[in-house]
Amino acid sequence: MDKYLKAIKQNVCAICVDSNERGGCTLSHKETCAVEYFLPSVIEIVHSTETDEISVYHKLVKEKICINCHEDENGSCYLHEDANCSLDRYFSLIVETIKRVDKNLPV
């Protein structure tokens, strides 16, 4: 897990809107980073399905993660709707980073 987290911090956290100019997270202790919190589940999803179609992974994330996060009974998520879900915002980059780590490619 450490190699994935390190790569995510390098590739995603460094450009995240919730980071400072040095790439450090600016979320308060009361806030949780969805990318870091759900990373084990996202890795599991990427490893369980071999595809180059990001939409396939995104559908699985919606079915397995979003439903347990902030979705309401209608399947709506205020974080997603406000473009405030880091997992959704950086999803393609997250999947790409996981795949690069798996292939031992530079991240």
C-alpha atoms as a PDB file:
ATOM      1  CA  MET A   1       0.000   0.000   0.000  1.00  0.00           C
ATOM      2  CA  ASP A   2       2.880   2.361   0.748  1.00  0.00           C
ATOM      3  CA  LYS A   3       4.122   2.384  -2.844  1.00  0.00           C
ATOM      4  CA  TYR A   4       0.659   3.362  -4.093  1.00  0.00           C
ATOM      5  CA  LEU A   5       0.208   6.065  -1.489  1.00  0.00           C
ATOM      6  CA  LYS A   6       3.638   7.512  -2.231  1.00  0.00           C
ATOM      7  CA  ALA A   7       2.872   7.610  -5.960  1.00  0.00           C
ATOM      8  CA  ILE A   8      -0.558   9.155  -5.359  1.00  0.00           C
ATOM      9  CA  LYS A   9       0.975  11.865  -3.156  1.00  0.00           C
ATOM     10  CA  GLN A  10       3.533  12.593  -5.856  1.00  0.00           C
ATOM     11  CA  ASN A  11       1.089  12.649  -8.796  1.00  0.00           C
ATOM     12  CA  VAL A  12      -2.283  13.629  -7.387  1.00  0.00           C
ATOM     13  CA  CYS A  13      -1.728  15.446  -4.116  1.00  0.00           C
ATOM     14  CA  ALA A  14       0.892  17.660  -5.732  1.00  0.00           C
ATOM     15  CA  ILE A  15      -1.731  19.132  -8.086  1.00  0.00           C
ATOM     16  CA  CYS A  16      -4.799  18.866  -5.866  1.00  0.00           C
ATOM     17  CA  VAL A  17      -6.809  22.030  -5.271  1.00  0.00           C
ATOM     18  CA  ASP A  18      -6.627  21.187  -1.556  1.00  0.00           C
ATOM     19  CA  SER A  19      -2.828  21.368  -1.478  1.00  0.00           C
ATOM     20  CA  ASN A  20      -0.454  24.222  -0.818  1.00  0.00           C
ATOM     21  CA  GLU A  21       2.331  25.384  -3.139  1.00  0.00           C
ATOM     22  CA  ARG A  22       4.603  22.576  -1.846  1.00  0.00           C
ATOM     23  CA  GLY A  23       1.985  19.867  -2.457  1.00  0.00           C
ATOM     24  CA  GLY A  24       1.075  19.517   1.221  1.00  0.00           C
ATOM     25  CA  CYS A  25      -2.547  18.868   2.088  1.00  0.00           C
ATOM     26  CA  THR A  26      -4.501  21.816   3.447  1.00  0.00           C
ATOM     27  CA  LEU A  27      -7.543  19.842   4.634  1.00  0.00           C
ATOM     28  CA  SER A  28      -8.300  20.362   8.296  1.00  0.00           C
ATOM     29  CA  HIS A  29      -8.221  17.539  10.842  1.00  0.00           C
ATOM     30  CA  LYS A  30     -12.032  17.464  10.582  1.00  0.00           C
ATOM     31  CA  GLU A  31     -11.931  16.764   6.825  1.00  0.00           C
ATOM     32  CA  THR A  32     -11.028  13.515   5.117  1.00  0.00           C
ATOM     33  CA  CYS A  33      -9.326  13.154   1.766  1.00  0.00           C
ATOM     34  CA  ALA A  34     -11.477  10.798  -0.298  1.00  0.00           C
ATOM     35  CA  VAL A  35      -8.490   9.741  -2.397  1.00  0.00           C
ATOM     36  CA  GLU A  36      -6.469   8.568   0.585  1.00  0.00           C
ATOM     37  CA  TYR A  37      -9.452   7.181   2.488  1.00  0.00           C
ATOM     38  CA  PHE A  38     -10.776   5.101  -0.408  1.00  0.00           C
ATOM     39  CA  LEU A  39      -7.429   4.255  -2.026  1.00  0.00           C
ATOM     40  CA  PRO A  40      -7.448   0.602  -0.884  1.00  0.00           C
ATOM     41  CA  SER A  41     -10.897   0.136  -2.434  1.00  0.00           C
ATOM     42  CA  VAL A  42      -9.900   1.882  -5.662  1.00  0.00           C
ATOM     43  CA  ILE A  43      -6.789  -0.309  -5.936  1.00  0.00           C
ATOM     44  CA  GLU A  44      -8.952  -3.378  -5.418  1.00  0.00           C
ATOM     45  CA  ILE A  45     -11.305  -2.235  -8.191  1.00  0.00           C
ATOM     46  CA  VAL A  46      -8.448  -1.565 -10.611  1.00  0.00           C
ATOM     47  CA  HIS A  47      -6.892  -4.938  -9.836  1.00  0.00           C
ATOM     48  CA  SER A  48     -10.202  -6.783 -10.209  1.00  0.00           C
ATOM     49  CA  THR A  49     -10.916  -5.557 -13.736  1.00  0.00           C
ATOM     50  CA  GLU A  50      -8.527  -5.431 -16.676  1.00  0.00           C
ATOM     51  CA  THR A  51      -9.610  -2.698 -19.071  1.00  0.00           C
ATOM     52  CA  ASP A  52      -8.402   0.481 -20.698  1.00  0.00           C
ATOM     53  CA  GLU A  53     -11.875   1.993 -20.419  1.00  0.00           C
ATOM     54  CA  ILE A  54     -11.881   4.431 -17.499  1.00  0.00           C
ATOM     55  CA  SER A  55     -15.688   4.410 -17.575  1.00  0.00           C
ATOM     56  CA  VAL A  56     -15.690   0.770 -16.465  1.00  0.00           C
ATOM     57  CA  TYR A  57     -13.630   1.624 -13.386  1.00  0.00           C
ATOM     58  CA  HIS A  58     -15.705   4.717 -12.725  1.00  0.00           C
ATOM     59  CA  LYS A  59     -18.928   2.663 -12.809  1.00  0.00           C
ATOM     60  CA  LEU A  60     -17.466   0.211 -10.289  1.00  0.00           C
ATOM     61  CA  VAL A  61     -16.377   3.042  -8.003  1.00  0.00           C
ATOM     62  CA  LYS A  62     -19.886   4.468  -8.098  1.00  0.00           C
ATOM     63  CA  GLU A  63     -21.360   1.039  -7.261  1.00  0.00           C
ATOM     64  CA  LYS A  64     -18.883   0.081  -4.547  1.00  0.00           C
ATOM     65  CA  ILE A  65     -17.611   3.326  -3.017  1.00  0.00           C
ATOM     66  CA  CYS A  66     -19.931   6.225  -3.757  1.00  0.00           C
ATOM     67  CA  ILE A  67     -22.966   4.362  -2.514  1.00  0.00           C
ATOM     68  CA  ASN A  68     -21.323   4.159   0.927  1.00  0.00           C
ATOM     69  CA  CYS A  69     -19.982   7.689   0.966  1.00  0.00           C
ATOM     70  CA  HIS A  70     -22.193  10.756   0.484  1.00  0.00           C
ATOM     71  CA  GLU A  71     -24.794   9.500  -1.968  1.00  0.00           C
ATOM     72  CA  ASP A  72     -28.378   9.971  -0.967  1.00  0.00           C
ATOM     73  CA  GLU A  73     -31.173   7.487  -1.599  1.00  0.00           C
ATOM     74  CA  ASN A  74     -31.553   8.841  -5.163  1.00  0.00           C
ATOM     75  CA  GLY A  75     -27.888   8.240  -6.017  1.00  0.00           C
ATOM     76  CA  SER A  76     -27.015  11.937  -5.876  1.00  0.00           C
ATOM     77  CA  CYS A  77     -23.865  13.177  -4.192  1.00  0.00           C
ATOM     78  CA  TYR A  78     -23.468  16.796  -3.186  1.00  0.00           C
ATOM     79  CA  LEU A  79     -19.672  16.493  -3.300  1.00  0.00           C
ATOM     80  CA  HIS A  80     -19.745  15.208  -6.874  1.00  0.00           C
ATOM     81  CA  GLU A  81     -22.340  17.769  -7.941  1.00  0.00           C
ATOM     82  CA  ASP A  82     -20.225  20.621  -6.504  1.00  0.00           C
ATOM     83  CA  ALA A  83     -17.069  19.185  -8.159  1.00  0.00           C
ATOM     84  CA  ASN A  84     -15.713  18.839  -4.633  1.00  0.00           C
ATOM     85  CA  CYS A  85     -14.924  15.109  -4.568  1.00  0.00           C
ATOM     86  CA  SER A  86     -11.196  14.623  -5.020  1.00  0.00           C
ATOM     87  CA  LEU A  87     -11.714  10.961  -5.882  1.00  0.00           C
ATOM     88  CA  ASP A  88     -13.971  11.951  -8.764  1.00  0.00           C
ATOM     89  CA  ARG A  89     -11.943  15.004  -9.810  1.00  0.00           C
ATOM     90  CA  TYR A  90      -8.657  13.114 -10.156  1.00  0.00           C
ATOM     91  CA  PHE A  91     -10.010   9.671 -10.958  1.00  0.00           C
ATOM     92  CA  SER A  92      -8.281   9.167 -14.327  1.00  0.00           C
ATOM     93  CA  LEU A  93      -4.938  10.204 -12.860  1.00  0.00           C
ATOM     94  CA  ILE A  94      -5.455   7.919  -9.861  1.00  0.00           C
ATOM     95  CA  VAL A  95      -6.140   4.896 -12.085  1.00  0.00           C
ATOM     96  CA  GLU A  96      -3.190   5.748 -14.314  1.00  0.00           C
ATOM     97  CA  THR A  97      -0.907   6.054 -11.272  1.00  0.00           C
ATOM     98  CA  ILE A  98      -2.026   2.693  -9.858  1.00  0.00           C
ATOM     99  CA  LYS A  99      -1.381   1.008 -13.209  1.00  0.00           C
ATOM    100  CA  ARG A 100       2.057   2.619 -13.495  1.00  0.00           C
ATOM    101  CA  VAL A 101       3.002   1.406 -10.019  1.00  0.00           C
ATOM    102  CA  ASP A 102       1.808  -2.098 -10.924  1.00  0.00           C
ATOM    103  CA  LYS A 103       4.029  -2.086 -14.016  1.00  0.00           C
ATOM    104  CA  ASN A 104       6.985  -0.635 -12.077  1.00  0.00           C
ATOM    105  CA  LEU A 105       7.015   2.383 -14.366  1.00  0.00           C
ATOM    106  CA  PRO A 106       8.170   5.801 -13.215  1.00  0.00           C
ATOM    107  CA  VAL A 107       5.276   7.784 -11.762  1.00  0.00           C
END
